[in-house]
N, C-alpha and C. Protein backbone atom coordinates (compact mmCIF):
# COMPACT_ATOMS: atom_id res chain seq x y z
N UNK A 1 5.08 11.41 -3.10
CA UNK A 1 4.38 10.17 -3.37
C UNK A 1 5.37 9.02 -3.23
N UNK A 2 4.99 7.98 -2.44
CA UNK A 2 5.88 6.85 -2.24
C UNK A 2 5.76 5.88 -3.41
N UNK A 3 6.84 5.17 -3.69
CA UNK A 3 6.81 4.22 -4.79
C UNK A 3 5.88 3.05 -4.48
N UNK A 4 5.36 2.42 -5.52
CA UNK A 4 4.49 1.25 -5.35
C UNK A 4 5.29 0.13 -4.70
N UNK A 5 4.66 -0.65 -3.83
CA UNK A 5 5.39 -1.75 -3.19
C UNK A 5 5.82 -2.79 -4.23
N UNK A 6 6.95 -3.40 -3.97
CA UNK A 6 7.44 -4.47 -4.85
C UNK A 6 6.50 -5.66 -4.73
N UNK A 7 6.22 -6.33 -5.85
CA UNK A 7 5.36 -7.52 -5.76
C UNK A 7 6.07 -8.63 -4.97
N UNK A 8 5.30 -9.35 -4.20
CA UNK A 8 5.85 -10.47 -3.44
C UNK A 8 6.15 -11.60 -4.42
N UNK A 9 7.32 -12.21 -4.33
CA UNK A 9 7.65 -13.31 -5.23
C UNK A 9 6.63 -14.45 -5.14
N UNK A 10 6.33 -15.05 -6.27
CA UNK A 10 5.34 -16.13 -6.35
C UNK A 10 5.67 -17.26 -5.39
N UNK A 11 6.94 -17.60 -5.24
CA UNK A 11 7.33 -18.69 -4.34
C UNK A 11 6.87 -18.38 -2.91
N UNK A 12 7.01 -17.13 -2.48
CA UNK A 12 6.58 -16.76 -1.14
C UNK A 12 5.06 -16.74 -1.00
N UNK A 13 4.37 -16.34 -2.07
CA UNK A 13 2.90 -16.31 -2.05
C UNK A 13 2.30 -17.70 -2.03
N UNK A 14 3.10 -18.72 -2.26
CA UNK A 14 2.60 -20.11 -2.30
C UNK A 14 2.90 -20.88 -1.02
N UNK A 15 3.44 -20.23 -0.01
CA UNK A 15 3.78 -20.91 1.25
C UNK A 15 2.66 -20.67 2.26
N UNK A 16 1.87 -21.73 2.56
CA UNK A 16 0.73 -21.55 3.46
C UNK A 16 1.09 -20.95 4.82
N UNK A 17 2.19 -21.36 5.43
CA UNK A 17 2.53 -20.82 6.75
C UNK A 17 2.80 -19.32 6.66
N UNK A 18 3.38 -18.88 5.58
CA UNK A 18 3.63 -17.44 5.41
C UNK A 18 2.32 -16.68 5.24
N UNK A 19 1.41 -17.26 4.46
CA UNK A 19 0.10 -16.64 4.26
C UNK A 19 -0.70 -16.59 5.56
N UNK A 20 -0.64 -17.68 6.33
CA UNK A 20 -1.33 -17.69 7.63
C UNK A 20 -0.76 -16.62 8.55
N UNK A 21 0.56 -16.49 8.56
CA UNK A 21 1.19 -15.48 9.41
C UNK A 21 0.76 -14.07 9.01
N UNK A 22 0.71 -13.81 7.72
CA UNK A 22 0.27 -12.50 7.24
C UNK A 22 -1.18 -12.22 7.60
N UNK A 23 -2.03 -13.23 7.44
CA UNK A 23 -3.44 -13.06 7.79
C UNK A 23 -3.59 -12.87 9.30
N UNK A 24 -2.77 -13.58 10.09
CA UNK A 24 -2.82 -13.44 11.54
C UNK A 24 -2.43 -12.03 11.98
N UNK A 25 -1.43 -11.47 11.33
CA UNK A 25 -1.01 -10.10 11.65
C UNK A 25 -2.16 -9.13 11.37
N UNK A 26 -2.80 -9.29 10.20
CA UNK A 26 -3.92 -8.42 9.86
C UNK A 26 -5.08 -8.59 10.84
N UNK A 27 -5.38 -9.84 11.19
CA UNK A 27 -6.48 -10.12 12.12
C UNK A 27 -6.19 -9.52 13.50
N UNK A 28 -4.98 -9.72 13.98
CA UNK A 28 -4.61 -9.20 15.29
C UNK A 28 -4.69 -7.67 15.32
N UNK A 29 -4.25 -7.04 14.24
CA UNK A 29 -4.31 -5.58 14.15
C UNK A 29 -5.76 -5.09 14.18
N UNK A 30 -6.61 -5.70 13.36
CA UNK A 30 -8.01 -5.28 13.29
C UNK A 30 -8.73 -5.46 14.63
N UNK A 31 -8.57 -6.62 15.24
CA UNK A 31 -9.22 -6.86 16.53
C UNK A 31 -8.63 -5.95 17.59
N UNK A 32 -7.31 -5.84 17.61
CA UNK A 32 -6.65 -4.98 18.60
C UNK A 32 -7.10 -3.54 18.52
N UNK A 33 -7.22 -3.02 17.30
CA UNK A 33 -7.66 -1.63 17.12
C UNK A 33 -9.08 -1.43 17.63
N UNK A 34 -9.98 -2.37 17.29
CA UNK A 34 -11.38 -2.25 17.71
C UNK A 34 -11.47 -2.27 19.24
N UNK A 35 -10.78 -3.23 19.85
CA UNK A 35 -10.85 -3.36 21.31
C UNK A 35 -10.19 -2.16 22.00
N UNK A 36 -9.06 -1.71 21.48
CA UNK A 36 -8.36 -0.57 22.09
C UNK A 36 -9.23 0.68 22.08
N UNK A 37 -10.04 0.85 21.05
CA UNK A 37 -10.93 2.01 20.97
C UNK A 37 -11.94 2.00 22.13
N UNK A 38 -12.17 0.84 22.72
CA UNK A 38 -13.08 0.69 23.87
C UNK A 38 -12.32 0.53 25.17
N UNK A 39 -11.01 0.72 25.14
CA UNK A 39 -10.21 0.56 26.35
C UNK A 39 -10.04 -0.88 26.77
N UNK A 40 -10.12 -1.80 25.82
CA UNK A 40 -10.01 -3.22 26.12
C UNK A 40 -8.86 -3.84 25.33
N UNK A 41 -8.51 -5.04 25.75
CA UNK A 41 -7.48 -5.82 25.07
C UNK A 41 -8.04 -7.21 24.76
N UNK A 42 -7.36 -7.94 23.88
CA UNK A 42 -7.88 -9.26 23.48
C UNK A 42 -7.96 -10.21 24.66
N UNK A 43 -7.08 -10.07 25.66
CA UNK A 43 -7.14 -10.96 26.82
C UNK A 43 -8.36 -10.65 27.68
N UNK A 44 -8.80 -9.40 27.71
CA UNK A 44 -10.04 -9.07 28.43
C UNK A 44 -11.19 -9.84 27.79
N UNK A 45 -11.26 -9.75 26.47
CA UNK A 45 -12.32 -10.44 25.74
C UNK A 45 -12.26 -11.94 26.00
N UNK A 46 -11.06 -12.52 25.95
CA UNK A 46 -10.91 -13.96 26.14
C UNK A 46 -11.40 -14.40 27.52
N UNK A 47 -11.04 -13.67 28.56
CA UNK A 47 -11.45 -14.04 29.91
C UNK A 47 -12.96 -13.89 30.06
N UNK A 48 -13.52 -12.79 29.60
CA UNK A 48 -14.96 -12.60 29.71
C UNK A 48 -15.72 -13.68 28.94
N UNK A 49 -15.25 -14.01 27.74
CA UNK A 49 -15.90 -15.05 26.94
C UNK A 49 -15.81 -16.41 27.61
N UNK A 50 -14.65 -16.73 28.18
CA UNK A 50 -14.47 -18.02 28.85
C UNK A 50 -15.40 -18.13 30.06
N UNK A 51 -15.51 -17.07 30.83
CA UNK A 51 -16.40 -17.09 31.99
C UNK A 51 -17.86 -17.19 31.57
N UNK A 52 -18.24 -16.49 30.52
CA UNK A 52 -19.63 -16.54 30.04
C UNK A 52 -19.99 -17.93 29.53
N UNK A 53 -19.05 -18.56 28.87
CA UNK A 53 -19.33 -19.86 28.26
C UNK A 53 -19.30 -21.01 29.26
N UNK A 54 -18.31 -21.05 30.13
CA UNK A 54 -18.11 -22.21 31.00
C UNK A 54 -18.36 -21.93 32.48
N UNK A 55 -18.64 -20.69 32.82
CA UNK A 55 -18.93 -20.37 34.21
C UNK A 55 -17.71 -20.03 35.04
N UNK A 56 -17.94 -19.84 36.31
CA UNK A 56 -16.90 -19.44 37.26
C UNK A 56 -15.73 -20.41 37.21
N UNK A 57 -14.54 -19.86 37.48
CA UNK A 57 -13.32 -20.67 37.39
C UNK A 57 -12.23 -20.10 38.26
N UNK A 58 -11.25 -20.93 38.57
CA UNK A 58 -10.05 -20.45 39.25
C UNK A 58 -9.17 -19.75 38.23
N UNK A 59 -8.18 -19.03 38.72
CA UNK A 59 -7.22 -18.37 37.82
C UNK A 59 -6.51 -19.40 36.95
N UNK A 60 -6.13 -20.53 37.53
CA UNK A 60 -5.44 -21.58 36.78
C UNK A 60 -6.33 -22.15 35.68
N UNK A 61 -7.61 -22.36 35.99
CA UNK A 61 -8.55 -22.86 34.98
C UNK A 61 -8.70 -21.86 33.84
N UNK A 62 -8.82 -20.59 34.19
CA UNK A 62 -8.94 -19.55 33.16
C UNK A 62 -7.69 -19.49 32.29
N UNK A 63 -6.55 -19.68 32.88
CA UNK A 63 -5.31 -19.70 32.13
C UNK A 63 -5.34 -20.83 31.10
N UNK A 64 -5.77 -22.00 31.53
CA UNK A 64 -5.84 -23.14 30.60
C UNK A 64 -6.90 -22.92 29.52
N UNK A 65 -8.04 -22.40 29.90
CA UNK A 65 -9.13 -22.18 28.93
C UNK A 65 -8.77 -21.16 27.85
N UNK A 66 -8.02 -20.14 28.25
CA UNK A 66 -7.77 -19.01 27.33
C UNK A 66 -6.40 -19.02 26.68
N UNK A 67 -5.47 -19.77 27.24
CA UNK A 67 -4.09 -19.74 26.72
C UNK A 67 -3.29 -18.56 27.24
N UNK A 68 -3.83 -17.84 28.21
CA UNK A 68 -3.10 -16.71 28.81
C UNK A 68 -2.15 -17.29 29.86
N UNK A 69 -0.89 -16.90 29.78
CA UNK A 69 0.08 -17.39 30.77
C UNK A 69 -0.39 -17.02 32.16
N UNK A 70 -0.16 -17.94 33.10
CA UNK A 70 -0.57 -17.69 34.49
C UNK A 70 0.04 -16.40 35.03
N UNK A 71 1.29 -16.12 34.64
CA UNK A 71 1.96 -14.91 35.13
C UNK A 71 1.28 -13.64 34.61
N UNK A 72 0.64 -13.71 33.45
CA UNK A 72 -0.07 -12.56 32.88
C UNK A 72 -1.52 -12.48 33.34
N UNK A 73 -2.06 -13.62 33.77
CA UNK A 73 -3.48 -13.68 34.14
C UNK A 73 -3.80 -12.75 35.30
N UNK A 74 -2.93 -12.65 36.27
CA UNK A 74 -3.20 -11.80 37.44
C UNK A 74 -3.44 -10.36 37.01
N UNK A 75 -2.61 -9.83 36.12
CA UNK A 75 -2.77 -8.45 35.65
C UNK A 75 -4.09 -8.28 34.90
N UNK A 76 -4.42 -9.24 34.06
CA UNK A 76 -5.69 -9.17 33.31
C UNK A 76 -6.87 -9.17 34.29
N UNK A 77 -6.82 -10.07 35.27
CA UNK A 77 -7.91 -10.14 36.24
C UNK A 77 -7.98 -8.88 37.10
N UNK A 78 -6.84 -8.31 37.44
CA UNK A 78 -6.84 -7.05 38.20
C UNK A 78 -7.55 -5.96 37.41
N UNK A 79 -7.25 -5.85 36.13
CA UNK A 79 -7.88 -4.83 35.28
C UNK A 79 -9.39 -5.05 35.20
N UNK A 80 -9.80 -6.30 35.03
CA UNK A 80 -11.23 -6.60 34.93
C UNK A 80 -11.94 -6.41 36.27
N UNK A 81 -11.26 -6.71 37.36
CA UNK A 81 -11.85 -6.51 38.70
C UNK A 81 -11.96 -5.02 39.02
N UNK A 82 -10.95 -4.24 38.62
CA UNK A 82 -10.98 -2.80 38.89
C UNK A 82 -12.17 -2.12 38.22
N UNK A 83 -12.61 -2.66 37.10
CA UNK A 83 -13.75 -2.10 36.38
C UNK A 83 -15.05 -2.83 36.70
N UNK A 84 -14.96 -3.76 37.67
CA UNK A 84 -16.11 -4.52 38.15
C UNK A 84 -16.77 -5.38 37.08
N UNK A 85 -15.96 -5.91 36.14
CA UNK A 85 -16.47 -6.84 35.13
C UNK A 85 -16.39 -8.28 35.62
N UNK A 86 -15.55 -8.52 36.61
CA UNK A 86 -15.45 -9.82 37.25
C UNK A 86 -15.43 -9.63 38.76
N UNK A 87 -15.67 -10.72 39.48
CA UNK A 87 -15.59 -10.70 40.93
C UNK A 87 -14.71 -11.87 41.35
N UNK A 88 -13.86 -11.62 42.33
CA UNK A 88 -13.02 -12.67 42.92
C UNK A 88 -13.58 -13.00 44.31
N UNK A 89 -13.85 -14.27 44.52
CA UNK A 89 -14.31 -14.72 45.83
C UNK A 89 -13.46 -15.90 46.26
N UNK A 90 -13.22 -16.04 47.57
CA UNK A 90 -12.46 -17.20 48.03
C UNK A 90 -13.20 -18.49 47.66
N UNK A 91 -12.45 -19.48 47.22
CA UNK A 91 -13.00 -20.79 46.90
C UNK A 91 -13.40 -21.47 48.20
N UNK A 92 -14.68 -21.83 48.37
CA UNK A 92 -15.09 -22.45 49.63
C UNK A 92 -14.38 -23.79 49.89
N UNK A 93 -13.95 -24.46 48.83
CA UNK A 93 -13.26 -25.74 48.99
C UNK A 93 -11.77 -25.61 49.25
N UNK A 94 -11.21 -24.45 48.92
CA UNK A 94 -9.77 -24.22 49.10
C UNK A 94 -9.56 -22.72 49.26
N UNK A 95 -9.48 -22.25 50.46
CA UNK A 95 -9.41 -20.81 50.75
C UNK A 95 -8.16 -20.15 50.19
N UNK A 96 -7.19 -20.92 49.72
CA UNK A 96 -5.99 -20.32 49.12
C UNK A 96 -6.24 -19.87 47.68
N UNK A 97 -7.32 -20.35 47.10
CA UNK A 97 -7.66 -20.01 45.71
C UNK A 97 -8.82 -19.04 45.66
N UNK A 98 -8.89 -18.32 44.55
CA UNK A 98 -10.05 -17.48 44.27
C UNK A 98 -10.88 -18.11 43.17
N UNK A 99 -12.17 -17.89 43.23
CA UNK A 99 -13.07 -18.25 42.15
C UNK A 99 -13.43 -16.95 41.44
N UNK A 100 -13.27 -16.93 40.13
CA UNK A 100 -13.54 -15.74 39.32
C UNK A 100 -14.92 -15.91 38.70
N UNK A 101 -15.75 -14.87 38.86
CA UNK A 101 -17.13 -14.90 38.37
C UNK A 101 -17.38 -13.66 37.52
N UNK A 102 -18.13 -13.83 36.46
CA UNK A 102 -18.54 -12.72 35.61
C UNK A 102 -19.68 -11.96 36.28
N UNK A 103 -19.57 -10.65 36.32
CA UNK A 103 -20.63 -9.81 36.90
C UNK A 103 -21.63 -9.41 35.83
N UNK A 104 -22.79 -8.86 36.22
CA UNK A 104 -23.72 -8.34 35.20
C UNK A 104 -23.04 -7.29 34.30
N UNK A 105 -22.20 -6.44 34.89
CA UNK A 105 -21.46 -5.46 34.09
C UNK A 105 -20.51 -6.15 33.12
N UNK A 106 -19.94 -7.26 33.54
CA UNK A 106 -19.07 -8.05 32.68
C UNK A 106 -19.81 -8.65 31.50
N UNK A 107 -21.05 -9.09 31.76
CA UNK A 107 -21.89 -9.61 30.66
C UNK A 107 -22.15 -8.51 29.63
N UNK A 108 -22.48 -7.32 30.11
CA UNK A 108 -22.73 -6.19 29.19
C UNK A 108 -21.45 -5.83 28.42
N UNK A 109 -20.33 -5.82 29.14
CA UNK A 109 -19.05 -5.51 28.50
C UNK A 109 -18.73 -6.53 27.42
N UNK A 110 -18.95 -7.81 27.72
CA UNK A 110 -18.70 -8.87 26.73
C UNK A 110 -19.57 -8.68 25.50
N UNK A 111 -20.83 -8.31 25.67
CA UNK A 111 -21.70 -8.07 24.52
C UNK A 111 -21.13 -6.99 23.62
N UNK A 112 -20.64 -5.91 24.21
CA UNK A 112 -20.06 -4.80 23.44
C UNK A 112 -18.79 -5.25 22.73
N UNK A 113 -17.90 -5.94 23.46
CA UNK A 113 -16.65 -6.40 22.86
C UNK A 113 -16.91 -7.45 21.78
N UNK A 114 -17.90 -8.29 22.00
CA UNK A 114 -18.26 -9.30 21.02
C UNK A 114 -18.68 -8.64 19.70
N UNK A 115 -19.44 -7.56 19.80
CA UNK A 115 -19.86 -6.83 18.59
C UNK A 115 -18.64 -6.26 17.86
N UNK A 116 -17.67 -5.75 18.62
CA UNK A 116 -16.47 -5.20 18.00
C UNK A 116 -15.63 -6.28 17.32
N UNK A 117 -15.51 -7.43 17.97
CA UNK A 117 -14.75 -8.54 17.39
C UNK A 117 -15.46 -9.05 16.13
N UNK A 118 -16.78 -9.15 16.19
CA UNK A 118 -17.54 -9.57 15.01
C UNK A 118 -17.34 -8.60 13.86
N UNK A 119 -17.34 -7.32 14.15
CA UNK A 119 -17.10 -6.30 13.12
C UNK A 119 -15.70 -6.46 12.51
N UNK A 120 -14.72 -6.73 13.34
CA UNK A 120 -13.36 -6.95 12.84
C UNK A 120 -13.30 -8.18 11.95
N UNK A 121 -14.05 -9.22 12.31
CA UNK A 121 -14.07 -10.43 11.47
C UNK A 121 -14.67 -10.13 10.10
N UNK A 122 -15.74 -9.35 10.11
CA UNK A 122 -16.37 -8.97 8.82
C UNK A 122 -15.37 -8.24 7.93
N UNK A 123 -14.62 -7.32 8.52
CA UNK A 123 -13.63 -6.58 7.73
C UNK A 123 -12.51 -7.50 7.25
N UNK A 124 -12.01 -8.35 8.12
CA UNK A 124 -10.94 -9.26 7.76
C UNK A 124 -11.36 -10.18 6.61
N UNK A 125 -12.56 -10.71 6.69
CA UNK A 125 -13.02 -11.71 5.73
C UNK A 125 -13.84 -11.13 4.59
N UNK A 126 -13.84 -9.82 4.44
CA UNK A 126 -14.66 -9.13 3.43
C UNK A 126 -14.49 -9.69 2.02
N UNK A 127 -13.28 -10.06 1.58
CA UNK A 127 -13.16 -10.54 0.20
C UNK A 127 -13.71 -11.94 -0.02
N UNK A 128 -14.12 -12.64 1.03
CA UNK A 128 -14.60 -14.01 0.90
C UNK A 128 -16.12 -14.08 0.87
N UNK A 129 -16.64 -15.07 0.17
CA UNK A 129 -18.08 -15.32 0.18
C UNK A 129 -18.43 -15.98 1.53
N UNK A 130 -19.71 -15.99 1.90
CA UNK A 130 -20.08 -16.68 3.15
C UNK A 130 -19.61 -18.14 3.17
N UNK A 131 -19.73 -18.84 2.06
CA UNK A 131 -19.27 -20.23 2.00
C UNK A 131 -17.77 -20.34 2.20
N UNK A 132 -17.02 -19.43 1.60
CA UNK A 132 -15.57 -19.43 1.78
C UNK A 132 -15.19 -19.12 3.23
N UNK A 133 -15.93 -18.22 3.86
CA UNK A 133 -15.67 -17.90 5.27
C UNK A 133 -15.86 -19.14 6.14
N UNK A 134 -16.96 -19.84 5.90
CA UNK A 134 -17.23 -21.07 6.66
C UNK A 134 -16.14 -22.11 6.42
N UNK A 135 -15.73 -22.27 5.18
CA UNK A 135 -14.69 -23.25 4.84
C UNK A 135 -13.35 -22.86 5.47
N UNK A 136 -13.01 -21.59 5.43
CA UNK A 136 -11.77 -21.15 6.05
C UNK A 136 -11.80 -21.43 7.55
N UNK A 137 -12.89 -21.12 8.19
CA UNK A 137 -13.03 -21.39 9.63
C UNK A 137 -12.90 -22.88 9.90
N UNK A 138 -13.54 -23.70 9.07
CA UNK A 138 -13.45 -25.16 9.25
C UNK A 138 -12.00 -25.63 9.10
N UNK A 139 -11.31 -25.17 8.08
CA UNK A 139 -9.93 -25.60 7.84
C UNK A 139 -8.99 -25.11 8.94
N UNK A 140 -9.16 -23.88 9.38
CA UNK A 140 -8.32 -23.37 10.47
C UNK A 140 -8.57 -24.14 11.76
N UNK A 141 -9.81 -24.56 11.97
CA UNK A 141 -10.13 -25.37 13.14
C UNK A 141 -9.42 -26.71 13.07
N UNK A 142 -9.41 -27.34 11.90
CA UNK A 142 -8.71 -28.61 11.73
C UNK A 142 -7.23 -28.43 12.04
N UNK A 143 -6.61 -27.40 11.49
CA UNK A 143 -5.18 -27.15 11.75
C UNK A 143 -4.91 -26.88 13.22
N UNK A 144 -5.73 -26.04 13.82
CA UNK A 144 -5.53 -25.69 15.22
C UNK A 144 -5.68 -26.91 16.13
N UNK A 145 -6.71 -27.71 15.89
CA UNK A 145 -6.93 -28.90 16.72
C UNK A 145 -5.80 -29.90 16.54
N UNK A 146 -5.34 -30.07 15.33
CA UNK A 146 -4.26 -31.02 15.06
C UNK A 146 -2.96 -30.63 15.75
N UNK A 147 -2.68 -29.35 15.80
CA UNK A 147 -1.41 -28.87 16.35
C UNK A 147 -1.48 -28.50 17.83
N UNK A 148 -2.58 -28.85 18.51
CA UNK A 148 -2.65 -28.65 19.96
C UNK A 148 -1.54 -29.49 20.59
N UNK A 149 -0.95 -29.00 21.67
CA UNK A 149 0.16 -29.74 22.30
C UNK A 149 -0.18 -31.17 22.69
N UNK A 150 -1.43 -31.46 23.03
CA UNK A 150 -1.77 -32.81 23.46
C UNK A 150 -1.91 -33.80 22.30
N UNK A 151 -1.93 -33.30 21.06
CA UNK A 151 -2.09 -34.18 19.91
C UNK A 151 -0.77 -34.88 19.59
N UNK A 152 -0.79 -36.22 19.48
CA UNK A 152 0.46 -36.91 19.13
C UNK A 152 0.85 -36.60 17.69
N UNK A 153 2.10 -36.31 17.47
CA UNK A 153 2.61 -36.04 16.13
C UNK A 153 2.99 -37.38 15.49
N UNK A 154 2.93 -37.46 14.14
CA UNK A 154 3.28 -38.72 13.49
C UNK A 154 4.66 -39.24 13.90
N UNK A 155 5.63 -38.34 14.09
CA UNK A 155 6.98 -38.79 14.46
C UNK A 155 7.06 -39.20 15.93
N UNK A 156 6.03 -38.87 16.74
CA UNK A 156 6.01 -39.26 18.15
C UNK A 156 5.46 -40.68 18.33
N UNK A 157 4.65 -41.13 17.38
CA UNK A 157 4.03 -42.45 17.50
C UNK A 157 5.06 -43.52 17.18
N UNK A 158 5.20 -44.45 18.09
CA UNK A 158 6.15 -45.57 17.85
C UNK A 158 5.58 -46.83 18.39
């Protein structure tokens, strides 16, 4: 039998960035496990969701929409194309680029992955009431939007 874990010092439990990091690790693990059980990764879900929401896009556009590095995007798109969840077609306006489109199989795949991600969210947020879940989402959205690279920081304004 292993010994009980040492309690985390109160000072550390009061640091929001530390708490966010811990919650992010738990969230990433839960989502990653669910998706891996289906042979998928979080970047697959992100690309499929971006295409479903905003329509066909170039690789560069998908990179910007999802936050996936351009150098990693090619591998993600190759995996999705190999399973016929997306289609690559030459851009009629610029034959050097491809336009990425979600296929009917990709729509079905996204529905399945969406259910898995939703299930992971339920598990992650289980100790919270519905109102607390909504408030947490609202607050995290405020933080995320504020810290986007395009947002001017108070020390940048002169």
